[in-house]
Every structure is written in C-alpha cells, then in structure tokens.
C-alpha cells in the first residue's frame, strides 16, 4: 500500500462551491482506476472545524505503484491545468483497517501527522502506529483507518474516515486536521490488505 496526498491551499475568500462542483462533476472518473485502493476527496473550509485555511487535499491509498504512476502521468493533468502543479507527498503503507462503520458513507476525515522521534526504535514505533490504526478503526462511527510513513522526512501520517464528527465516538478533540469528505472513489478498497504492512 502506498499513500499519497497533495494540498491546494486557496485564498481566504475563495468560493469553496467551486471545489464542491468540480468533485461533483469529476469525482467519478477514478471510481474504476486500475491500481487505486481508494481516493478520499477531502476539503476543509476556513473557520470550519478549526481550519485556518480553505484547502482541497485529496488523499489516496494505492494498491500498486503502476496505478499511482499512471495517474500522475495522465489523470492528474486535469488538476494541473486548472490549479497548477502542486507538490505531491508520498508515504509507504504501515497499516490499514476497515472500521466499525465500514459499509456507511464517510462524511469527515481526520489527518494526523507526527514526526518519528530521534532515537526511537523503529520496530516499536511501527507497532504503536499499527495499534493506533486498529484503535481508531474500532471506534464507533469509524469507516476506516490507515497509517503510512515518509522515510525522507521521517513522518508518520494517520488518516481516519468517519460517518460523523469523531467527538461522537468519544474523541472529544481529534488530534489532527478535520476535512469534509466530498466523494470516495474506492475501486480497490476490498483488496487493501488489513493489518500491518511490514
């Protein structure tokens, strides 16, 4: 599993209905993309759920590098034509778990990024990341949870999708950025391997 995300930070007065409309028109184009586990079309609006910015920030879980590369060299061009070419972050998969609400539509996403501390034992850190993924997935209202690692900047990212605000599952102040899920393309979700990925 490979994770990928880019962020388009938009002006404070940007009409976010433009983003909503774009996803409504084009979101289905990846519903059968070869090699894609899932793409969560994520958006956050300034002042909503504590967001300081307007942002469009899709998050991908890929089953194959070939599928990811095919997208970056082809399907990605539409976004580049409309917004310019953003930096694309990539992480190696650490863990994936379906949630307690796996068959329900995702409404919100929480993304938490954390540095891997210097001197930490890598195996123990990865075990903790896998356990946290399973814990998140086990909470009421969780659709799924994933963790991935950037070994260039040594950063771990957790992404969890929810049917409603995580506070309803006993997470009063989710640690991370909260996004609205506008659409979920998931052609290969059933083939994303659950559990730890090492």
Protein backbone atom coordinates (compact mmCIF):
# COMPACT_ATOMS: atom_id res chain seq x y z
CA UNK A 1 0.00 0.00 0.00
CA UNK A 2 1.21 3.47 -0.86
CA UNK A 3 -0.33 6.71 0.42
CA UNK A 4 -0.32 9.99 -1.49
CA UNK A 5 -1.69 13.48 -0.91
CA UNK A 6 -1.41 16.95 -2.35
CA UNK A 7 -2.83 20.13 -0.89
CA UNK A 8 -4.23 23.12 -2.76
CA UNK A 9 -4.43 25.98 -0.27
CA UNK A 10 -6.83 28.56 -1.66
CA UNK A 11 -7.41 32.26 -0.88
CA UNK A 12 -9.38 33.10 2.26
CA UNK A 13 -12.26 34.48 0.17
CA UNK A 14 -12.27 31.60 -2.33
CA UNK A 15 -15.73 30.22 -3.17
CA UNK A 16 -15.43 26.61 -2.00
CA UNK A 17 -18.54 25.73 -4.01
CA UNK A 18 -16.14 25.70 -6.98
CA UNK A 19 -14.33 22.76 -5.37
CA UNK A 20 -17.59 21.04 -4.48
CA UNK A 21 -18.82 21.44 -8.06
CA UNK A 22 -15.57 20.13 -9.50
CA UNK A 23 -15.75 16.99 -7.38
CA UNK A 24 -19.43 16.50 -8.22
CA UNK A 25 -18.59 16.63 -11.94
CA UNK A 26 -15.29 14.76 -11.98
CA UNK A 27 -15.11 12.62 -8.83
CA UNK A 28 -16.49 9.55 -10.57
CA UNK A 29 -13.56 9.47 -13.03
CA UNK A 30 -11.44 7.46 -10.57
CA UNK A 31 -14.22 5.10 -9.48
CA UNK A 32 -12.63 2.33 -11.57
CA UNK A 33 -8.98 3.43 -11.80
CA UNK A 34 -6.67 0.42 -12.06
CA UNK A 35 -4.40 0.04 -9.04
CA UNK A 36 -6.27 2.54 -6.84
CA UNK A 37 -7.36 1.30 -3.44
CA UNK A 38 -9.26 4.47 -2.62
CA UNK A 39 -9.26 8.22 -3.08
CA UNK A 40 -10.93 10.42 -0.48
CA UNK A 41 -11.80 13.80 -1.98
CA UNK A 42 -11.08 15.99 1.04
CA UNK A 43 -11.86 19.66 1.57
CA UNK A 44 -11.66 21.99 4.53
CA UNK A 45 -13.07 25.49 4.76
CA UNK A 46 -11.58 28.33 6.72
CA UNK A 47 -13.25 28.63 10.13
CA UNK A 48 -14.97 25.22 9.97
CA UNK A 49 -13.78 22.56 12.45
CA UNK A 50 -10.93 24.87 13.40
CA UNK A 51 -9.39 25.08 9.92
CA UNK A 52 -7.20 28.17 9.37
CA UNK A 53 -7.39 27.77 5.57
CA UNK A 54 -9.51 26.89 2.58
CA UNK A 55 -8.00 23.74 1.14
CA UNK A 56 -8.63 20.94 -1.31
CA UNK A 57 -6.47 17.98 -0.29
CA UNK A 58 -7.35 14.57 -1.79
CA UNK A 59 -5.81 11.55 -0.05
CA UNK A 60 -5.05 8.32 -1.93
CA UNK A 61 -4.27 4.74 -0.90
CA UNK A 62 -2.77 2.85 -3.84
CA UNK A 63 -2.57 -0.91 -4.26
CA UNK A 64 0.08 -0.62 -6.99
CA UNK A 65 2.88 1.78 -7.87
CA UNK A 66 1.91 1.32 -11.52
CA UNK A 67 -1.59 2.65 -10.85
CA UNK A 68 -0.17 5.64 -8.98
CA UNK A 69 2.35 6.41 -11.72
CA UNK A 70 -0.32 6.04 -14.40
CA UNK A 71 -2.46 8.59 -12.57
CA UNK A 72 0.39 11.06 -12.04
CA UNK A 73 1.34 10.90 -15.70
CA UNK A 74 -2.24 11.04 -17.01
CA UNK A 75 -5.32 11.66 -14.87
CA UNK A 76 -3.51 14.23 -12.73
CA UNK A 77 -3.15 16.60 -15.70
CA UNK A 78 -6.68 17.97 -15.34
CA UNK A 79 -5.90 19.29 -11.87
CA UNK A 80 -2.56 20.71 -13.06
CA UNK A 81 -4.33 22.51 -15.92
CA UNK A 82 -6.83 24.11 -13.52
CA UNK A 83 -4.70 24.85 -10.45
CA UNK A 84 -1.04 24.41 -11.35
CA UNK A 85 1.20 21.52 -10.32
CA UNK A 86 1.25 21.00 -6.53
CA UNK A 87 3.88 19.11 -4.57
CA UNK A 88 2.70 15.52 -4.09
CA UNK A 89 3.54 13.82 -0.79
CA UNK A 90 4.04 10.05 -0.74
CA UNK A 91 4.24 7.62 2.16
CA UNK A 92 4.88 3.88 2.43
CA UNK A 93 1.97 1.94 3.91
CA UNK A 94 2.25 0.90 7.56
CA UNK A 95 -1.26 -0.37 8.42
CA UNK A 96 -4.83 -0.42 7.18
CA UNK A 97 -8.05 -1.38 8.95
CA UNK A 98 -11.72 -1.29 7.99
CA UNK A 99 -13.81 0.44 10.64
CA UNK A 100 -16.87 -0.44 12.67
CA UNK A 101 -18.96 1.54 10.14
CA UNK A 102 -17.23 0.13 7.07
CA UNK A 103 -20.43 -0.07 5.00
CA UNK A 104 -21.50 3.51 5.77
CA UNK A 105 -20.63 6.62 3.74
CA UNK A 106 -17.75 8.72 5.07
CA UNK A 107 -18.64 12.31 5.98
CA UNK A 108 -15.45 13.52 7.69
CA UNK A 109 -11.76 12.66 7.68
CA UNK A 110 -9.07 13.29 10.29
CA UNK A 111 -5.44 13.51 9.20
CA UNK A 112 -2.78 13.44 11.89
CA UNK A 113 0.90 13.87 11.05
CA UNK A 114 3.68 13.31 13.55
CA UNK A 115 7.48 13.18 13.33
CA UNK A 116 9.28 9.96 14.15
CA UNK A 117 11.37 10.99 17.18
CA UNK A 118 15.14 10.68 17.02
CA UNK A 119 16.46 7.67 18.88
CA UNK A 120 13.19 5.76 18.82
CA UNK A 121 13.32 2.06 17.99
CA UNK A 122 11.73 1.77 14.55
CA UNK A 123 10.03 -1.58 15.16
CA UNK A 124 8.38 -0.37 18.36
CA UNK A 125 7.25 2.86 16.71
CA UNK A 126 5.71 0.93 13.80
CA UNK A 127 3.97 -1.45 16.22
CA UNK A 128 2.49 1.55 18.02
CA UNK A 129 1.31 3.01 14.68
CA UNK A 130 -0.41 -0.26 13.75
CA UNK A 131 -2.08 -0.47 17.17
CA UNK A 132 -3.31 3.12 16.86
CA UNK A 133 -4.73 2.35 13.41
CA UNK A 134 -6.66 -0.59 14.85
CA UNK A 135 -7.83 1.51 17.82
CA UNK A 136 -9.18 4.26 15.55
CA UNK A 137 -10.92 1.74 13.30
CA UNK A 138 -12.57 0.16 16.33
CA UNK A 139 -14.28 3.36 17.47
CA UNK A 140 -17.97 3.89 16.85
CA UNK A 141 -18.55 5.68 13.54
CA UNK A 142 -15.13 4.90 12.05
CA UNK A 143 -15.31 3.93 8.37
CA UNK A 144 -11.62 3.03 8.05
CA UNK A 145 -8.16 3.98 9.28
CA UNK A 146 -4.71 3.88 7.72
CA UNK A 147 -1.14 4.77 8.65
CA UNK A 148 1.81 5.45 6.38
CA UNK A 149 5.43 6.56 6.74
CA UNK A 150 7.54 9.13 4.87
CA UNK A 151 11.11 7.92 5.23
CA UNK A 152 12.58 11.10 3.71
CA UNK A 153 11.25 13.44 6.38
CA UNK A 154 10.60 10.62 8.89
CA UNK A 155 6.97 11.49 9.40
CA UNK A 156 4.03 9.23 10.17
CA UNK A 157 0.57 10.11 8.87
CA UNK A 158 -2.69 8.65 10.15
CA UNK A 159 -5.88 9.05 8.12
CA UNK A 160 -9.25 8.01 9.50
CA UNK A 161 -12.66 8.38 7.87
CA UNK A 162 -15.84 8.85 9.90
CA UNK A 163 -19.60 8.83 9.44
CA UNK A 164 -19.84 11.89 11.72
CA UNK A 165 -17.61 14.04 13.88
CA UNK A 166 -15.25 11.82 15.88
CA UNK A 167 -16.35 13.51 19.10
CA UNK A 168 -19.46 11.33 18.85
CA UNK A 169 -17.15 8.31 19.23
CA UNK A 170 -15.51 9.64 22.36
CA UNK A 171 -12.68 11.53 20.65
CA UNK A 172 -13.52 14.99 22.05
CA UNK A 173 -10.67 16.85 20.34
CA UNK A 174 -9.36 14.81 17.42
CA UNK A 175 -5.62 15.25 17.11
CA UNK A 176 -5.21 16.46 13.54
CA UNK A 177 -6.83 18.32 10.67
CA UNK A 178 -10.52 17.68 10.01
CA UNK A 179 -11.75 17.55 6.41
CA UNK A 180 -15.14 17.06 4.81
CA UNK A 181 -15.27 14.01 2.50
CA UNK A 182 -16.88 15.14 -0.76
CA UNK A 183 -16.63 11.78 -2.55
CA UNK A 184 -14.91 8.42 -2.11
CA UNK A 185 -13.60 6.53 -5.12
CA UNK A 186 -12.77 3.03 -3.93
CA UNK A 187 -12.25 0.60 -6.83
CA UNK A 188 -9.67 -1.49 -4.97
CA UNK A 189 -10.68 -0.94 -1.36
CA UNK A 190 -11.54 -4.60 -0.85
CA UNK A 191 -8.02 -5.58 -1.89
CA UNK A 192 -6.26 -3.22 0.53
CA UNK A 193 -4.65 -5.68 2.91
CA UNK A 194 -5.81 -5.22 6.52
CA UNK A 195 -3.36 -5.19 9.40
CA UNK A 196 0.27 -4.22 9.47
CA UNK A 197 2.21 -3.86 6.22
CA UNK A 198 5.71 -4.90 7.22
